[in-house]
Amino acid sequence: MASLLLGTVPTLGQQKSEQDLAFIYIAHDEYTAVQSLIERLKDAFTDAINYPESRAVIFYLANAENPIVVQVNTKNDNQQEFDRIVDELQTKRSHNVEPVVDCAKIQEIFNADDIIDENGKGLYRSVEWTYYVNSTFWALMYNESVIASLFFIMDMEEMIESGYLRVNIMHGADDSLPYNEESPFGAKALCASKKFLPMPY
């Protein structure tokens, strides 16, 4: 993670892995389009299982003090736990988001399995970072305390500019976000990027 904090730009074409990494953050409440979401998660999981040399995925289900993390084709692989995420989404009404915990835990994950090296070279072929959120998440300003905070801490702007990182923000088609076009990620403007806007799924 030290390399992320230094603001070095990944050098494309010099990555050390032939894998594409997907990081998927999941915020779940009663407004979440659970079945559509599960289908998307299963597609990502199956893709990684079928193509281990080229796909790695980290699933992160926000769950207050005890987030559920499942990794596929990384050095901390625990793919056998994937069904636990599906079960949690199907059997629980919601899971609480704790921004301080999430930011710390996600940094911990990428301290253990960084995405760029100390010279700023990409350790994967590419990285796709997807947030599945809901209107409650946005109304409670987690767009700032989670999305914008991680964007700032991990210096995502430079990785996006280089083409190494792509960020997606997804919400249920029937659950529109209370989106402020003037300051979409909070008044502190930790994340000023216009390169990713919430999209329905």
C-alpha atoms as a PDB file:
ATOM      1  CA  MET A   1       0.000   0.000   0.000  1.00  0.00           C
ATOM      2  CA  ALA A   2       2.954   2.322   0.539  1.00  0.00           C
ATOM      3  CA  SER A   3       3.360   2.582  -3.212  1.00  0.00           C
ATOM      4  CA  LEU A   4      -0.267   3.657  -3.565  1.00  0.00           C
ATOM      5  CA  LEU A   5       0.153   6.404  -1.010  1.00  0.00           C
ATOM      6  CA  LEU A   6       3.214   7.815  -2.748  1.00  0.00           C
ATOM      7  CA  GLY A   7       1.186   8.753  -5.782  1.00  0.00           C
ATOM      8  CA  THR A   8       3.302   6.872  -8.314  1.00  0.00           C
ATOM      9  CA  VAL A   9       1.670   6.109 -11.636  1.00  0.00           C
ATOM     10  CA  PRO A  10       1.530   2.486 -12.804  1.00  0.00           C
ATOM     11  CA  THR A  11       3.582   1.868 -15.923  1.00  0.00           C
ATOM     12  CA  LEU A  12       1.369   0.099 -18.408  1.00  0.00           C
ATOM     13  CA  GLY A  13       2.789  -2.785 -20.375  1.00  0.00           C
ATOM     14  CA  GLN A  14       5.197  -3.720 -17.590  1.00  0.00           C
ATOM     15  CA  GLN A  15       2.808  -5.508 -15.278  1.00  0.00           C
ATOM     16  CA  LYS A  16       4.025  -8.609 -13.461  1.00  0.00           C
ATOM     17  CA  SER A  17       0.849 -10.635 -13.913  1.00  0.00           C
ATOM     18  CA  GLU A  18      -1.359 -11.707 -16.782  1.00  0.00           C
ATOM     19  CA  GLN A  19      -4.377 -11.473 -14.484  1.00  0.00           C
ATOM     20  CA  ASP A  20      -7.054  -8.801 -14.448  1.00  0.00           C
ATOM     21  CA  LEU A  21      -8.177  -8.051 -10.885  1.00  0.00           C
ATOM     22  CA  ALA A  22     -11.770  -7.200  -9.970  1.00  0.00           C
ATOM     23  CA  PHE A  23     -12.535  -5.751  -6.532  1.00  0.00           C
ATOM     24  CA  ILE A  24     -16.267  -5.816  -5.732  1.00  0.00           C
ATOM     25  CA  TYR A  25     -17.644  -3.883  -2.753  1.00  0.00           C
ATOM     26  CA  ILE A  26     -21.195  -4.776  -1.718  1.00  0.00           C
ATOM     27  CA  ALA A  27     -23.508  -2.637   0.421  1.00  0.00           C
ATOM     28  CA  HIS A  28     -26.747  -4.500   1.133  1.00  0.00           C
ATOM     29  CA  ASP A  29     -30.055  -3.279   2.510  1.00  0.00           C
ATOM     30  CA  GLU A  30     -33.760  -3.736   1.855  1.00  0.00           C
ATOM     31  CA  TYR A  31     -33.526  -1.654  -1.340  1.00  0.00           C
ATOM     32  CA  THR A  32     -30.859  -3.867  -2.915  1.00  0.00           C
ATOM     33  CA  ALA A  33     -31.896  -5.753  -6.067  1.00  0.00           C
ATOM     34  CA  VAL A  34     -30.709  -8.974  -4.476  1.00  0.00           C
ATOM     35  CA  GLN A  35     -31.382 -11.471  -7.270  1.00  0.00           C
ATOM     36  CA  SER A  36     -29.840  -9.291  -9.962  1.00  0.00           C
ATOM     37  CA  LEU A  37     -26.864  -8.621  -7.712  1.00  0.00           C
ATOM     38  CA  ILE A  38     -26.345 -12.314  -6.927  1.00  0.00           C
ATOM     39  CA  GLU A  39     -26.415 -13.133 -10.630  1.00  0.00           C
ATOM     40  CA  ARG A  40     -23.698 -10.568 -11.256  1.00  0.00           C
ATOM     41  CA  LEU A  41     -21.579 -11.863  -8.382  1.00  0.00           C
ATOM     42  CA  LYS A  42     -21.957 -15.446  -9.561  1.00  0.00           C
ATOM     43  CA  ASP A  43     -20.913 -14.425 -13.085  1.00  0.00           C
ATOM     44  CA  ALA A  44     -17.753 -12.797 -11.725  1.00  0.00           C
ATOM     45  CA  PHE A  45     -17.023 -15.825  -9.543  1.00  0.00           C
ATOM     46  CA  THR A  46     -17.585 -18.335 -12.364  1.00  0.00           C
ATOM     47  CA  ASP A  47     -15.439 -16.293 -14.739  1.00  0.00           C
ATOM     48  CA  ALA A  48     -12.564 -16.374 -12.254  1.00  0.00           C
ATOM     49  CA  ILE A  49     -12.977 -20.099 -11.597  1.00  0.00           C
ATOM     50  CA  ASN A  50     -12.965 -20.876 -15.322  1.00  0.00           C
ATOM     51  CA  TYR A  51     -10.020 -18.616 -16.150  1.00  0.00           C
ATOM     52  CA  PRO A  52      -7.668 -18.650 -13.133  1.00  0.00           C
ATOM     53  CA  GLU A  53      -4.643 -17.513 -15.142  1.00  0.00           C
ATOM     54  CA  SER A  54      -6.370 -14.359 -16.309  1.00  0.00           C
ATOM     55  CA  ARG A  55      -8.958 -13.462 -13.643  1.00  0.00           C
ATOM     56  CA  ALA A  56      -8.721 -12.695  -9.930  1.00  0.00           C
ATOM     57  CA  VAL A  57     -11.614 -11.376  -7.852  1.00  0.00           C
ATOM     58  CA  ILE A  58     -11.966  -9.983  -4.346  1.00  0.00           C
ATOM     59  CA  PHE A  59     -15.546  -9.793  -3.024  1.00  0.00           C
ATOM     60  CA  TYR A  60     -16.150  -7.515  -0.025  1.00  0.00           C
ATOM     61  CA  LEU A  61     -19.539  -7.567   1.719  1.00  0.00           C
ATOM     62  CA  ALA A  62     -19.789  -4.679   4.183  1.00  0.00           C
ATOM     63  CA  ASN A  63     -20.992  -6.077   7.512  1.00  0.00           C
ATOM     64  CA  ALA A  64     -20.343  -3.560  10.322  1.00  0.00           C
ATOM     65  CA  GLU A  65     -17.326  -4.744  12.352  1.00  0.00           C
ATOM     66  CA  ASN A  66     -17.142  -8.090  10.527  1.00  0.00           C
ATOM     67  CA  PRO A  67     -17.023  -7.625   6.752  1.00  0.00           C
ATOM     68  CA  ILE A  68     -17.065 -10.810   4.711  1.00  0.00           C
ATOM     69  CA  VAL A  69     -14.160 -11.049   2.278  1.00  0.00           C
ATOM     70  CA  VAL A  70     -13.833 -13.761  -0.352  1.00  0.00           C
ATOM     71  CA  GLN A  71     -10.842 -13.913  -2.677  1.00  0.00           C
ATOM     72  CA  VAL A  72     -10.494 -15.989  -5.824  1.00  0.00           C
ATOM     73  CA  ASN A  73      -7.157 -16.659  -7.539  1.00  0.00           C
ATOM     74  CA  THR A  74      -5.148 -14.427  -5.201  1.00  0.00           C
ATOM     75  CA  LYS A  75      -2.492 -15.515  -2.719  1.00  0.00           C
ATOM     76  CA  ASN A  76      -5.148 -15.308   0.012  1.00  0.00           C
ATOM     77  CA  ASP A  77      -7.641 -17.415  -1.945  1.00  0.00           C
ATOM     78  CA  ASN A  78     -10.650 -18.590   0.082  1.00  0.00           C
ATOM     79  CA  GLN A  79     -13.038 -19.208  -2.809  1.00  0.00           C
ATOM     80  CA  GLN A  80     -14.858 -21.927  -0.873  1.00  0.00           C
ATOM     81  CA  GLU A  81     -16.431 -19.118   1.199  1.00  0.00           C
ATOM     82  CA  PHE A  82     -18.236 -17.562  -1.778  1.00  0.00           C
ATOM     83  CA  ASP A  83     -21.525 -19.305  -0.986  1.00  0.00           C
ATOM     84  CA  ARG A  84     -21.495 -17.535   2.369  1.00  0.00           C
ATOM     85  CA  ILE A  85     -21.905 -14.177   0.646  1.00  0.00           C
ATOM     86  CA  VAL A  86     -24.795 -15.493  -1.429  1.00  0.00           C
ATOM     87  CA  ASP A  87     -26.427 -16.949   1.700  1.00  0.00           C
ATOM     88  CA  GLU A  88     -26.022 -13.673   3.603  1.00  0.00           C
ATOM     89  CA  LEU A  89     -27.658 -11.714   0.803  1.00  0.00           C
ATOM     90  CA  GLN A  90     -30.530 -14.173   0.498  1.00  0.00           C
ATOM     91  CA  THR A  91     -31.286 -14.663   4.184  1.00  0.00           C
ATOM     92  CA  LYS A  92     -30.563 -11.284   5.805  1.00  0.00           C
ATOM     93  CA  ARG A  93     -32.610  -8.138   5.298  1.00  0.00           C
ATOM     94  CA  SER A  94     -29.568  -5.889   5.385  1.00  0.00           C
ATOM     95  CA  HIS A  95     -25.945  -5.525   6.506  1.00  0.00           C
ATOM     96  CA  ASN A  96     -24.680  -2.406   8.232  1.00  0.00           C
ATOM     97  CA  VAL A  97     -21.923  -0.327   6.651  1.00  0.00           C
ATOM     98  CA  GLU A  98     -19.183   0.925   8.976  1.00  0.00           C
ATOM     99  CA  PRO A  99     -17.030   3.305   6.903  1.00  0.00           C
ATOM    100  CA  VAL A 100     -14.034   3.415   9.261  1.00  0.00           C
ATOM    101  CA  VAL A 101     -13.908  -0.381   9.388  1.00  0.00           C
ATOM    102  CA  ASP A 102     -14.347  -0.719   5.631  1.00  0.00           C
ATOM    103  CA  CYS A 103     -11.614   1.771   4.753  1.00  0.00           C
ATOM    104  CA  ALA A 104      -9.181   0.171   7.204  1.00  0.00           C
ATOM    105  CA  LYS A 105      -9.982  -3.380   6.109  1.00  0.00           C
ATOM    106  CA  ILE A 106      -9.732  -2.609   2.407  1.00  0.00           C
ATOM    107  CA  GLN A 107      -6.367  -0.942   2.950  1.00  0.00           C
ATOM    108  CA  GLU A 108      -5.305  -4.048   4.884  1.00  0.00           C
ATOM    109  CA  ILE A 109      -6.356  -6.259   1.966  1.00  0.00           C
ATOM    110  CA  PHE A 110      -4.245  -4.251  -0.451  1.00  0.00           C
ATOM    111  CA  ASN A 111      -1.308  -4.073   1.923  1.00  0.00           C
ATOM    112  CA  ALA A 112      -1.261  -7.872   1.736  1.00  0.00           C
ATOM    113  CA  ASP A 113      -1.915  -8.025  -2.017  1.00  0.00           C
ATOM    114  CA  ASP A 114      -0.896  -4.717  -3.567  1.00  0.00           C
ATOM    115  CA  ILE A 115      -1.918  -3.620  -7.057  1.00  0.00           C
ATOM    116  CA  ILE A 116       1.243  -1.669  -7.908  1.00  0.00           C
ATOM    117  CA  ASP A 117       4.825  -2.283  -6.799  1.00  0.00           C
ATOM    118  CA  GLU A 118       7.266   0.096  -5.120  1.00  0.00           C
ATOM    119  CA  ASN A 119       8.240   1.462  -8.552  1.00  0.00           C
ATOM    120  CA  GLY A 120       4.668   2.188  -9.555  1.00  0.00           C
ATOM    121  CA  LYS A 121       4.416  -0.723 -11.983  1.00  0.00           C
ATOM    122  CA  GLY A 122       1.091  -2.506 -12.239  1.00  0.00           C
ATOM    123  CA  LEU A 123       1.079  -5.907 -10.575  1.00  0.00           C
ATOM    124  CA  TYR A 124      -1.986  -6.916 -12.578  1.00  0.00           C
ATOM    125  CA  ARG A 125      -2.873  -6.472 -16.219  1.00  0.00           C
ATOM    126  CA  SER A 126      -5.696  -4.164 -15.144  1.00  0.00           C
ATOM    127  CA  VAL A 127      -7.875  -3.447 -12.112  1.00  0.00           C
ATOM    128  CA  GLU A 128     -11.643  -2.945 -12.092  1.00  0.00           C
ATOM    129  CA  TRP A 129     -13.161  -1.612  -8.870  1.00  0.00           C
ATOM    130  CA  THR A 130     -16.943  -1.883  -8.547  1.00  0.00           C
ATOM    131  CA  TYR A 131     -19.231  -0.596  -5.794  1.00  0.00           C
ATOM    132  CA  TYR A 132     -22.727  -2.065  -5.533  1.00  0.00           C
ATOM    133  CA  VAL A 133     -24.566   0.481  -3.401  1.00  0.00           C
ATOM    134  CA  ASN A 134     -28.093   1.691  -2.619  1.00  0.00           C
ATOM    135  CA  SER A 135     -29.959   4.902  -1.846  1.00  0.00           C
ATOM    136  CA  THR A 136     -29.460   4.439   1.913  1.00  0.00           C
ATOM    137  CA  PHE A 137     -25.697   4.227   1.390  1.00  0.00           C
ATOM    138  CA  TRP A 138     -25.769   7.544  -0.474  1.00  0.00           C
ATOM    139  CA  ALA A 139     -28.193   9.260   1.936  1.00  0.00           C
ATOM    140  CA  LEU A 140     -25.931   8.408   4.887  1.00  0.00           C
ATOM    141  CA  MET A 141     -23.032  10.046   3.004  1.00  0.00           C
ATOM    142  CA  TYR A 142     -21.073   6.838   2.646  1.00  0.00           C
ATOM    143  CA  ASN A 143     -20.375   8.038  -0.885  1.00  0.00           C
ATOM    144  CA  GLU A 144     -17.945  10.399   0.839  1.00  0.00           C
ATOM    145  CA  SER A 145     -16.791   8.370   3.844  1.00  0.00           C
ATOM    146  CA  VAL A 146     -16.202   5.178   1.834  1.00  0.00           C
ATOM    147  CA  ILE A 147     -15.945   5.870  -1.913  1.00  0.00           C
ATOM    148  CA  ALA A 148     -14.280   9.282  -1.803  1.00  0.00           C
ATOM    149  CA  SER A 149     -12.063   8.391   1.155  1.00  0.00           C
ATOM    150  CA  LEU A 150     -10.684   5.299  -0.571  1.00  0.00           C
ATOM    151  CA  PHE A 151     -10.299   7.242  -3.804  1.00  0.00           C
ATOM    152  CA  PHE A 152      -8.132   9.774  -1.966  1.00  0.00           C
ATOM    153  CA  ILE A 153      -6.196   7.354   0.264  1.00  0.00           C
ATOM    154  CA  MET A 154      -5.343   4.996  -2.574  1.00  0.00           C
ATOM    155  CA  ASP A 155      -4.549   7.749  -5.057  1.00  0.00           C
ATOM    156  CA  MET A 156      -6.968   6.316  -7.595  1.00  0.00           C
ATOM    157  CA  GLU A 157      -7.034   9.408  -9.813  1.00  0.00           C
ATOM    158  CA  GLU A 158      -3.570   8.733 -11.196  1.00  0.00           C
ATOM    159  CA  MET A 159      -4.287   5.052 -11.777  1.00  0.00           C
ATOM    160  CA  ILE A 160      -7.508   5.976 -13.583  1.00  0.00           C
ATOM    161  CA  GLU A 161      -5.688   8.557 -15.696  1.00  0.00           C
ATOM    162  CA  SER A 162      -3.094   5.957 -16.685  1.00  0.00           C
ATOM    163  CA  GLY A 163      -5.821   3.567 -17.822  1.00  0.00           C
ATOM    164  CA  TYR A 164      -4.788   0.919 -15.291  1.00  0.00           C
ATOM    165  CA  LEU A 165      -7.834   1.289 -13.024  1.00  0.00           C
ATOM    166  CA  ARG A 166     -11.531   1.541 -13.848  1.00  0.00           C
ATOM    167  CA  VAL A 167     -14.119   2.393 -11.174  1.00  0.00           C
ATOM    168  CA  ASN A 168     -17.833   1.542 -11.439  1.00  0.00           C
ATOM    169  CA  ILE A 169     -20.654   2.587  -9.107  1.00  0.00           C
ATOM    170  CA  MET A 170     -23.782   0.480  -9.521  1.00  0.00           C
ATOM    171  CA  HIS A 171     -27.250   0.736  -7.973  1.00  0.00           C
ATOM    172  CA  GLY A 172     -30.517  -1.131  -8.442  1.00  0.00           C
ATOM    173  CA  ALA A 173     -32.593   0.041 -11.384  1.00  0.00           C
ATOM    174  CA  ASP A 174     -35.539   0.708  -9.056  1.00  0.00           C
ATOM    175  CA  ASP A 175     -33.452   2.388  -6.351  1.00  0.00           C
ATOM    176  CA  SER A 176     -32.190   5.724  -7.652  1.00  0.00           C
ATOM    177  CA  LEU A 177     -29.538   7.533  -5.645  1.00  0.00           C
ATOM    178  CA  PRO A 178     -29.969  11.010  -4.098  1.00  0.00           C
ATOM    179  CA  TYR A 179     -27.192  12.191  -6.376  1.00  0.00           C
ATOM    180  CA  ASN A 180     -25.861  15.764  -6.194  1.00  0.00           C
ATOM    181  CA  GLU A 181     -24.229  16.646  -9.501  1.00  0.00           C
ATOM    182  CA  GLU A 182     -22.378  19.598  -7.976  1.00  0.00           C
ATOM    183  CA  SER A 183     -20.666  17.504  -5.275  1.00  0.00           C
ATOM    184  CA  PRO A 184     -21.408  13.842  -6.040  1.00  0.00           C
ATOM    185  CA  PHE A 185     -18.885  12.545  -3.510  1.00  0.00           C
ATOM    186  CA  GLY A 186     -19.317  15.052  -0.706  1.00  0.00           C
ATOM    187  CA  ALA A 187     -18.446  18.638   0.149  1.00  0.00           C
ATOM    188  CA  LYS A 188     -14.820  17.831   1.005  1.00  0.00           C
ATOM    189  CA  ALA A 189     -14.224  17.039  -2.671  1.00  0.00           C
ATOM    190  CA  LEU A 190     -11.849  14.191  -1.850  1.00  0.00           C
ATOM    191  CA  CYS A 191     -12.960  12.669  -5.123  1.00  0.00           C
ATOM    192  CA  ALA A 192     -13.438  15.183  -7.912  1.00  0.00           C
ATOM    193  CA  SER A 193     -13.407  12.633 -10.725  1.00  0.00           C
ATOM    194  CA  LYS A 194     -16.160  12.832 -13.319  1.00  0.00           C
ATOM    195  CA  LYS A 195     -14.899   9.621 -14.910  1.00  0.00           C
ATOM    196  CA  PHE A 196     -17.312   7.375 -13.060  1.00  0.00           C
ATOM    197  CA  LEU A 197     -20.953   8.108 -12.371  1.00  0.00           C
ATOM    198  CA  PRO A 198     -23.565   5.846 -10.747  1.00  0.00           C
ATOM    199  CA  MET A 199     -25.221   3.467 -13.180  1.00  0.00           C
ATOM    200  CA  PRO A 200     -28.248   1.169 -12.722  1.00  0.00           C
ATOM    201  CA  TYR A 201     -28.040  -2.598 -12.964  1.00  0.00           C
END
